[in-house]
C-alpha atoms as a PDB file:
ATOM      1  CA  MET A   1     224.063-194.642-229.064  1.00  0.00           C
ATOM      2  CA  PRO A   2     223.235-198.309-229.973  1.00  0.00           C
ATOM      3  CA  GLU A   3     226.087-199.495-227.717  1.00  0.00           C
ATOM      4  CA  THR A   4     224.657-197.427-224.763  1.00  0.00           C
ATOM      5  CA  VAL A   5     221.179-198.922-225.230  1.00  0.00           C
ATOM      6  CA  ALA A   6     222.655-202.399-225.399  1.00  0.00           C
ATOM      7  CA  ARG A   7     224.591-201.861-222.189  1.00  0.00           C
ATOM      8  CA  PHE A   8     221.407-200.468-220.427  1.00  0.00           C
ATOM      9  CA  ARG A   9     219.290-203.442-221.509  1.00  0.00           C
ATOM     10  CA  THR A  10     221.987-205.810-220.431  1.00  0.00           C
ATOM     11  CA  ALA A  11     222.037-204.227-216.928  1.00  0.00           C
ATOM     12  CA  ARG A  12     218.229-204.581-216.574  1.00  0.00           C
ATOM     13  CA  GLU A  13     218.354-208.152-217.697  1.00  0.00           C
ATOM     14  CA  ILE A  14     221.103-208.885-215.206  1.00  0.00           C
ATOM     15  CA  TRP A  15     219.053-207.238-212.370  1.00  0.00           C
ATOM     16  CA  ALA A  16     215.942-209.298-213.189  1.00  0.00           C
ATOM     17  CA  ALA A  17     217.779-212.519-213.952  1.00  0.00           C
ATOM     18  CA  PRO A  18     216.875-215.604-211.836  1.00  0.00           C
ATOM     19  CA  GLY A  19     219.017-215.798-208.708  1.00  0.00           C
ATOM     20  CA  SER A  20     219.844-212.055-208.721  1.00  0.00           C
ATOM     21  CA  ARG A  21     219.407-209.709-205.731  1.00  0.00           C
ATOM     22  CA  HIS A  22     216.042-208.527-207.114  1.00  0.00           C
ATOM     23  CA  ASP A  23     214.838-212.100-207.424  1.00  0.00           C
ATOM     24  CA  ARG A  24     215.926-212.919-203.872  1.00  0.00           C
ATOM     25  CA  LEU A  25     214.253-209.715-202.569  1.00  0.00           C
ATOM     26  CA  VAL A  26     210.928-210.604-204.203  1.00  0.00           C
ATOM     27  CA  ALA A  27     211.076-214.140-202.805  1.00  0.00           C
ATOM     28  CA  THR A  28     211.769-212.811-199.299  1.00  0.00           C
ATOM     29  CA  MET A  29     208.943-210.238-199.440  1.00  0.00           C
ATOM     30  CA  ARG A  30     206.456-212.900-200.530  1.00  0.00           C
ATOM     31  CA  VAL A  31     207.002-214.604-197.193  1.00  0.00           C
ATOM     32  CA  ALA A  32     207.703-211.592-194.956  1.00  0.00           C
ATOM     33  CA  LEU A  33     204.739-209.395-195.954  1.00  0.00           C
ATOM     34  CA  PRO A  34     201.963-211.964-195.138  1.00  0.00           C
ATOM     35  CA  MET A  35     203.680-212.720-191.823  1.00  0.00           C
ATOM     36  CA  ALA A  36     203.856-209.007-190.964  1.00  0.00           C
ATOM     37  CA  ILE A  37     200.190-208.547-191.834  1.00  0.00           C
ATOM     38  CA  GLY A  38     199.243-211.504-189.601  1.00  0.00           C
ATOM     39  CA  VAL A  39     201.257-210.139-186.667  1.00  0.00           C
ATOM     40  CA  LEU A  40     199.677-206.690-187.080  1.00  0.00           C
ATOM     41  CA  ALA A  41     196.138-208.145-187.192  1.00  0.00           C
ATOM     42  CA  ALA A  42     196.784-210.214-184.061  1.00  0.00           C
ATOM     43  CA  PHE A  43     198.078-207.121-182.260  1.00  0.00           C
ATOM     44  CA  LEU A  44     195.004-205.074-183.207  1.00  0.00           C
ATOM     45  CA  VAL A  45     192.691-207.833-181.932  1.00  0.00           C
ATOM     46  CA  MET A  46     194.520-208.368-178.634  1.00  0.00           C
ATOM     47  CA  ALA A  47     195.299-204.718-177.888  1.00  0.00           C
ATOM     48  CA  PRO A  48     191.903-203.870-176.290  1.00  0.00           C
ATOM     49  CA  LEU A  49     192.187-206.925-174.010  1.00  0.00           C
ATOM     50  CA  THR A  50     195.659-206.117-172.770  1.00  0.00           C
ATOM     51  CA  ALA A  51     195.340-202.342-172.539  1.00  0.00           C
ATOM     52  CA  SER A  52     195.656-200.959-169.024  1.00  0.00           C
ATOM     53  CA  GLY A  53     194.622-197.615-167.670  1.00  0.00           C
ATOM     54  CA  ASP A  54     191.397-195.649-167.706  1.00  0.00           C
ATOM     55  CA  VAL A  55     190.028-193.326-170.323  1.00  0.00           C
ATOM     56  CA  SER A  56     188.371-190.216-168.912  1.00  0.00           C
ATOM     57  CA  PHE A  57     186.453-187.405-170.525  1.00  0.00           C
ATOM     58  CA  VAL A  58     184.428-184.376-169.460  1.00  0.00           C
ATOM     59  CA  LEU A  59     180.877-183.634-170.588  1.00  0.00           C
ATOM     60  CA  ASP A  60     179.325-180.205-170.540  1.00  0.00           C
ATOM     61  CA  LYS A  61     175.975-180.638-168.773  1.00  0.00           C
ATOM     62  CA  ASN A  62     174.586-177.732-170.777  1.00  0.00           C
ATOM     63  CA  LYS A  63     175.265-179.548-174.047  1.00  0.00           C
ATOM     64  CA  VAL A  64     174.202-183.077-173.110  1.00  0.00           C
ATOM     65  CA  GLU A  65     170.686-184.052-174.119  1.00  0.00           C
ATOM     66  CA  VAL A  66     168.605-185.253-171.166  1.00  0.00           C
ATOM     67  CA  ALA A  67     166.218-188.153-171.768  1.00  0.00           C
ATOM     68  CA  LYS A  68     162.595-187.427-170.903  1.00  0.00           C
ATOM     69  CA  GLU A  69     161.997-191.039-169.900  1.00  0.00           C
ATOM     70  CA  ARG A  70     164.391-193.018-167.733  1.00  0.00           C
ATOM     71  CA  LEU A  71     163.349-196.430-168.971  1.00  0.00           C
ATOM     72  CA  ARG A  72     161.031-197.666-171.685  1.00  0.00           C
ATOM     73  CA  ILE A  73     160.581-201.393-172.275  1.00  0.00           C
ATOM     74  CA  GLN A  74     158.552-203.403-174.737  1.00  0.00           C
ATOM     75  CA  SER A  75     157.115-206.736-173.504  1.00  0.00           C
ATOM     76  CA  ALA A  76     158.049-206.195-169.855  1.00  0.00           C
ATOM     77  CA  GLN A  77     157.619-208.730-167.051  1.00  0.00           C
ATOM     78  CA  TYR A  78     157.771-208.241-163.269  1.00  0.00           C
ATOM     79  CA  ARG A  79     157.907-211.046-160.708  1.00  0.00           C
ATOM     80  CA  GLY A  80     157.398-211.081-156.952  1.00  0.00           C
ATOM     81  CA  GLN A  81     155.903-212.860-153.952  1.00  0.00           C
ATOM     82  CA  ASP A  82     153.068-212.017-151.600  1.00  0.00           C
ATOM     83  CA  ALA A  83     153.139-212.066-147.801  1.00  0.00           C
ATOM     84  CA  LYS A  84     152.620-215.855-147.858  1.00  0.00           C
ATOM     85  CA  GLY A  85     155.430-216.474-150.327  1.00  0.00           C
ATOM     86  CA  GLN A  86     153.108-217.229-153.233  1.00  0.00           C
ATOM     87  CA  PRO A  87     154.440-215.937-156.572  1.00  0.00           C
ATOM     88  CA  PHE A  88     152.847-213.404-158.887  1.00  0.00           C
ATOM     89  CA  VAL A  89     153.790-212.252-162.386  1.00  0.00           C
ATOM     90  CA  ILE A  90     152.884-209.046-164.202  1.00  0.00           C
ATOM     91  CA  ASP A  91     153.208-208.952-167.993  1.00  0.00           C
ATOM     92  CA  ALA A  92     152.813-205.767-170.020  1.00  0.00           C
ATOM     93  CA  GLY A  93     152.977-204.864-173.670  1.00  0.00           C
ATOM     94  CA  SER A  94     155.051-201.810-172.712  1.00  0.00           C
ATOM     95  CA  ALA A  95     156.350-200.222-169.508  1.00  0.00           C
ATOM     96  CA  VAL A  96     157.683-196.732-168.779  1.00  0.00           C
ATOM     97  CA  GLN A  97     159.438-195.580-165.608  1.00  0.00           C
ATOM     98  CA  ARG A  98     159.912-191.823-165.747  1.00  0.00           C
ATOM     99  CA  SER A  99     162.598-191.342-163.065  1.00  0.00           C
ATOM    100  CA  SER A 100     164.717-193.352-160.638  1.00  0.00           C
ATOM    101  CA  ALA A 101     163.171-191.455-157.720  1.00  0.00           C
ATOM    102  CA  GLU A 102     159.673-192.577-158.732  1.00  0.00           C
ATOM    103  CA  PRO A 103     158.980-196.317-158.209  1.00  0.00           C
ATOM    104  CA  ILE A 104     155.869-196.109-160.396  1.00  0.00           C
ATOM    105  CA  VAL A 105     155.848-197.960-163.716  1.00  0.00           C
ATOM    106  CA  GLN A 106     153.249-197.066-166.329  1.00  0.00           C
ATOM    107  CA  LEU A 107     151.957-200.281-167.912  1.00  0.00           C
ATOM    108  CA  GLN A 108     150.028-200.839-171.132  1.00  0.00           C
ATOM    109  CA  ASP A 109     148.126-204.047-171.985  1.00  0.00           C
ATOM    110  CA  LEU A 110     148.853-205.558-168.589  1.00  0.00           C
ATOM    111  CA  ALA A 111     148.028-209.043-167.369  1.00  0.00           C
ATOM    112  CA  ALA A 112     148.799-210.267-163.860  1.00  0.00           C
ATOM    113  CA  GLY A 113     148.925-213.921-162.873  1.00  0.00           C
ATOM    114  CA  ILE A 114     148.393-214.773-159.190  1.00  0.00           C
ATOM    115  CA  ARG A 115     148.647-218.206-157.619  1.00  0.00           C
ATOM    116  CA  LEU A 116     145.889-218.785-155.068  1.00  0.00           C
ATOM    117  CA  SER A 117     145.411-221.723-152.703  1.00  0.00           C
ATOM    118  CA  ASP A 118     142.823-223.389-154.977  1.00  0.00           C
ATOM    119  CA  GLY A 119     144.328-222.460-158.334  1.00  0.00           C
ATOM    120  CA  PRO A 120     145.591-219.556-160.445  1.00  0.00           C
ATOM    121  CA  ALA A 121     143.838-216.232-160.979  1.00  0.00           C
ATOM    122  CA  ARG A 122     144.372-213.788-163.839  1.00  0.00           C
ATOM    123  CA  LEU A 123     143.804-210.031-163.938  1.00  0.00           C
ATOM    124  CA  THR A 124     143.736-208.112-167.236  1.00  0.00           C
ATOM    125  CA  ALA A 125     143.439-204.391-167.962  1.00  0.00           C
ATOM    126  CA  PRO A 126     144.259-202.041-170.864  1.00  0.00           C
ATOM    127  CA  ARG A 127     146.499-199.870-168.678  1.00  0.00           C
ATOM    128  CA  GLY A 128     147.651-199.402-165.110  1.00  0.00           C
ATOM    129  CA  ARG A 129     150.356-198.138-162.764  1.00  0.00           C
ATOM    130  CA  TYR A 130     152.544-200.564-160.842  1.00  0.00           C
ATOM    131  CA  ASP A 131     154.017-199.345-157.544  1.00  0.00           C
ATOM    132  CA  MET A 132     157.145-201.459-157.071  1.00  0.00           C
ATOM    133  CA  ASP A 133     157.589-200.406-153.426  1.00  0.00           C
ATOM    134  CA  LYS A 134     154.027-201.186-152.305  1.00  0.00           C
ATOM    135  CA  GLU A 135     153.530-203.957-154.901  1.00  0.00           C
ATOM    136  CA  GLN A 136     150.169-202.519-155.870  1.00  0.00           C
ATOM    137  CA  VAL A 137     148.614-202.068-159.304  1.00  0.00           C
ATOM    138  CA  ARG A 138     146.260-199.103-159.773  1.00  0.00           C
ATOM    139  CA  VAL A 139     144.005-199.424-162.800  1.00  0.00           C
ATOM    140  CA  ASP A 140     142.261-196.409-164.341  1.00  0.00           C
ATOM    141  CA  GLY A 141     139.558-198.019-166.412  1.00  0.00           C
ATOM    142  CA  PRO A 142     138.145-201.517-166.760  1.00  0.00           C
ATOM    143  CA  ILE A 143     139.715-204.557-165.116  1.00  0.00           C
ATOM    144  CA  ALA A 144     138.677-208.209-165.353  1.00  0.00           C
ATOM    145  CA  VAL A 145     139.518-210.947-162.859  1.00  0.00           C
ATOM    146  CA  GLU A 146     139.122-214.662-163.602  1.00  0.00           C
ATOM    147  CA  ALA A 147     139.880-217.512-161.197  1.00  0.00           C
ATOM    148  CA  ALA A 148     139.491-221.250-160.981  1.00  0.00           C
ATOM    149  CA  GLY A 149     135.997-222.654-160.478  1.00  0.00           C
ATOM    150  CA  GLY A 150     134.276-220.266-162.882  1.00  0.00           C
ATOM    151  CA  TYR A 151     134.756-217.098-160.819  1.00  0.00           C
ATOM    152  CA  ARG A 152     134.772-213.809-162.718  1.00  0.00           C
ATOM    153  CA  LEU A 153     134.806-210.186-161.612  1.00  0.00           C
ATOM    154  CA  ASP A 154     134.493-207.089-163.820  1.00  0.00           C
ATOM    155  CA  THR A 155     134.937-203.597-162.409  1.00  0.00           C
ATOM    156  CA  SER A 156     136.813-200.349-163.076  1.00  0.00           C
ATOM    157  CA  ASP A 157     139.090-197.852-161.368  1.00  0.00           C
ATOM    158  CA  ALA A 158     140.487-200.426-158.971  1.00  0.00           C
ATOM    159  CA  VAL A 159     143.546-201.008-156.815  1.00  0.00           C
ATOM    160  CA  VAL A 160     145.027-204.503-156.617  1.00  0.00           C
ATOM    161  CA  ASP A 161     147.254-205.227-153.611  1.00  0.00           C
ATOM    162  CA  LEU A 162     149.463-208.116-154.714  1.00  0.00           C
ATOM    163  CA  GLN A 163     150.808-208.634-151.196  1.00  0.00           C
ATOM    164  CA  THR A 164     147.408-209.189-149.533  1.00  0.00           C
ATOM    165  CA  ARG A 165     145.521-210.438-152.628  1.00  0.00           C
ATOM    166  CA  ARG A 166     142.857-207.774-152.118  1.00  0.00           C
ATOM    167  CA  LEU A 167     141.105-205.728-154.781  1.00  0.00           C
ATOM    168  CA  THR A 168     139.210-202.476-154.188  1.00  0.00           C
ATOM    169  CA  GLY A 169     137.103-200.990-156.969  1.00  0.00           C
ATOM    170  CA  THR A 170     135.300-197.645-156.986  1.00  0.00           C
ATOM    171  CA  GLY A 171     133.466-198.280-160.254  1.00  0.00           C
ATOM    172  CA  ALA A 172     130.417-200.409-160.934  1.00  0.00           C
ATOM    173  CA  VAL A 173     131.035-204.121-160.495  1.00  0.00           C
ATOM    174  CA  THR A 174     129.510-207.275-161.943  1.00  0.00           C
ATOM    175  CA  GLY A 175     130.592-210.801-161.233  1.00  0.00           C
ATOM    176  CA  ARG A 176     129.893-214.483-161.344  1.00  0.00           C
ATOM    177  CA  ALA A 177     130.444-217.175-158.725  1.00  0.00           C
ATOM    178  CA  ARG A 178     129.341-220.768-158.217  1.00  0.00           C
ATOM    179  CA  GLN A 179     126.222-219.578-156.381  1.00  0.00           C
ATOM    180  CA  GLY A 180     125.132-217.126-159.094  1.00  0.00           C
ATOM    181  CA  THR A 181     125.756-213.580-160.260  1.00  0.00           C
ATOM    182  CA  PHE A 182     126.078-210.273-158.406  1.00  0.00           C
ATOM    183  CA  SER A 183     126.432-206.555-159.056  1.00  0.00           C
ATOM    184  CA  GLY A 184     126.904-203.288-157.200  1.00  0.00           C
ATOM    185  CA  ASP A 185     128.129-199.710-157.402  1.00  0.00           C
ATOM    186  CA  SER A 186     131.531-200.500-155.845  1.00  0.00           C
ATOM    187  CA  MET A 187     133.162-203.363-154.004  1.00  0.00           C
ATOM    188  CA  ARG A 188     136.000-204.799-151.956  1.00  0.00           C
ATOM    189  CA  ALA A 189     137.195-208.312-152.741  1.00  0.00           C
ATOM    190  CA  ASP A 190     139.487-210.804-151.028  1.00  0.00           C
ATOM    191  CA  LEU A 191     140.708-212.944-153.922  1.00  0.00           C
ATOM    192  CA  GLU A 192     142.211-215.609-151.656  1.00  0.00           C
ATOM    193  CA  SER A 193     139.048-216.295-149.633  1.00  0.00           C
ATOM    194  CA  ARG A 194     136.678-215.505-152.551  1.00  0.00           C
ATOM    195  CA  THR A 195     134.666-212.979-150.557  1.00  0.00           C
ATOM    196  CA  VAL A 196     133.203-209.832-152.126  1.00  0.00           C
ATOM    197  CA  THR A 197     131.699-206.897-150.227  1.00  0.00           C
ATOM    198  CA  LEU A 198     129.301-204.839-152.369  1.00  0.00           C
ATOM    199  CA  ASP A 199     128.458-201.179-151.703  1.00  0.00           C
ATOM    200  CA  GLY A 200     125.462-199.424-153.246  1.00  0.00           C
ATOM    201  CA  ASN A 201     122.630-201.124-155.157  1.00  0.00           C
ATOM    202  CA  ALA A 202     123.983-204.550-154.252  1.00  0.00           C
ATOM    203  CA  ARG A 203     122.220-207.370-156.067  1.00  0.00           C
ATOM    204  CA  LEU A 204     122.731-211.113-155.878  1.00  0.00           C
ATOM    205  CA  ARG A 205     121.024-213.691-158.042  1.00  0.00           C
ATOM    206  CA  ILE A 206     121.405-217.217-156.703  1.00  0.00           C
ATOM    207  CA  VAL A 207     121.256-220.199-159.038  1.00  0.00           C
ATOM    208  CA  PRO A 208     120.223-223.264-156.980  1.00  0.00           C
ATOM    209  CA  ARG A 209     121.789-225.735-159.393  1.00  0.00           C
ATOM    210  CA  GLY A 210     125.111-223.918-159.133  1.00  0.00           C
ATOM    211  CA  ALA A 211     124.913-223.875-155.354  1.00  0.00           C
ATOM    212  CA  ARG A 212     124.521-227.659-155.218  1.00  0.00           C
END
């Protein structure tokens, strides 16, 4: 028995001795394994770029969830031009377009900037509906308009035509111009020419100093 154990230990020592086949195998694997891992990683990275062919799948329309809203955006902005090529910008805190067939965008916290011949004008309202085809904003509720030269207009339930720069309001209106202040039950305004047509209980208070 002692001679058998001695021979077994001697064989293990010979196998693990420096320069043996085991030693050469370990030295080779120390170089080959990292290289193989590097090649495999490079292949996995490049495979999606070099893959050809299309991947197709079938969805059951009865099992696919349908979104109630087509598009919902936070901090939206819309840009365009009027009939004279002057730019306008509409900013909104949020915007919702319910379907692709409906060009109406529901806006919250909207502010529209319009460039007029004598300076910029700004329209603000808590909410409104923007018709992208007609380029009109319909406001249900209060709307305020401010322009260069101290002009201000406050009304409600109005339609703003961004192409013609015209505003039509069916609610009560109050305003301020260089000549004084005015009010009425409803109105039609041409923002470009600064003309306002008042309907119902029209009142105008002229300030002589402002007129001069």
